[in-house]
Amino acid sequence: MERQSKKQLEAFVKNVDEYPLKSDIDGVLEYGFDVICEELMTPEFELLTIREYQD
């Protein structure tokens, strides 16, 4: 499952123009799903994301 997901992300990232999204995808590809998902589940991450959000 993870291998197929990585292949899909690798294909998808080629069509992404937004830097934050591209950076997130590159992070998943480099560090793996487990590491990134664990980071996203922490309350500190959610607060940091809200505080640094810019429209």
Protein backbone atom coordinates (compact mmCIF):
# COMPACT_ATOMS: atom_id res chain seq x y z
CA MET A 1 0.00 0.00 0.00
CA GLU A 2 2.72 2.48 0.94
CA ARG A 3 4.65 1.82 -2.27
CA GLN A 4 1.59 2.54 -4.40
CA SER A 5 0.89 5.70 -2.40
CA LYS A 6 4.45 6.90 -2.93
CA LYS A 7 4.14 6.35 -6.67
CA GLN A 8 0.95 8.41 -6.71
CA LEU A 9 2.57 11.23 -4.71
CA GLU A 10 5.62 11.23 -7.00
CA ALA A 11 3.33 11.63 -10.02
CA PHE A 12 1.19 14.26 -8.27
CA VAL A 13 4.07 16.45 -7.05
CA LYS A 14 5.17 17.06 -10.64
CA ASN A 15 1.94 18.99 -11.23
CA VAL A 16 1.96 21.04 -8.02
CA ASP A 17 2.81 24.75 -8.17
CA GLU A 18 2.15 25.76 -4.55
CA TYR A 19 5.35 25.59 -2.51
CA PRO A 20 3.74 24.59 0.83
CA LEU A 21 1.94 21.65 -0.74
CA LYS A 22 5.03 20.58 -2.68
CA SER A 23 7.07 20.80 0.52
CA ASP A 24 4.60 18.60 2.41
CA ILE A 25 4.62 15.98 -0.33
CA ASP A 26 8.42 16.02 -0.49
CA GLY A 27 8.49 15.53 3.28
CA VAL A 28 6.29 12.45 3.07
CA LEU A 29 8.42 11.03 0.27
CA GLU A 30 11.66 11.68 2.14
CA TYR A 31 10.72 10.70 5.70
CA GLY A 32 7.84 8.27 5.13
CA PHE A 33 4.19 8.28 6.03
CA ASP A 34 4.61 7.15 9.64
CA VAL A 35 6.92 10.01 10.60
CA ILE A 36 4.83 12.71 8.93
CA CYS A 37 1.50 11.37 10.19
CA GLU A 38 2.86 11.20 13.74
CA GLU A 39 3.97 14.83 13.49
CA LEU A 40 0.61 15.93 12.13
CA MET A 41 -1.21 14.29 15.03
CA THR A 42 0.54 16.37 17.72
CA PRO A 43 -1.38 19.28 19.25
CA GLU A 44 1.72 21.47 18.93
CA PHE A 45 1.68 21.05 15.16
CA GLU A 46 -1.96 22.13 14.94
CA LEU A 47 -1.34 25.26 17.02
CA LEU A 48 1.78 26.15 15.07
CA THR A 49 -0.06 25.76 11.78
CA ILE A 50 -2.86 28.06 12.93
CA ARG A 51 -0.49 30.70 14.28
CA GLU A 52 1.68 30.79 11.15
CA TYR A 53 -1.18 30.65 8.66
CA GLN A 54 -1.10 33.42 6.09
CA ASP A 55 -3.79 33.99 3.50
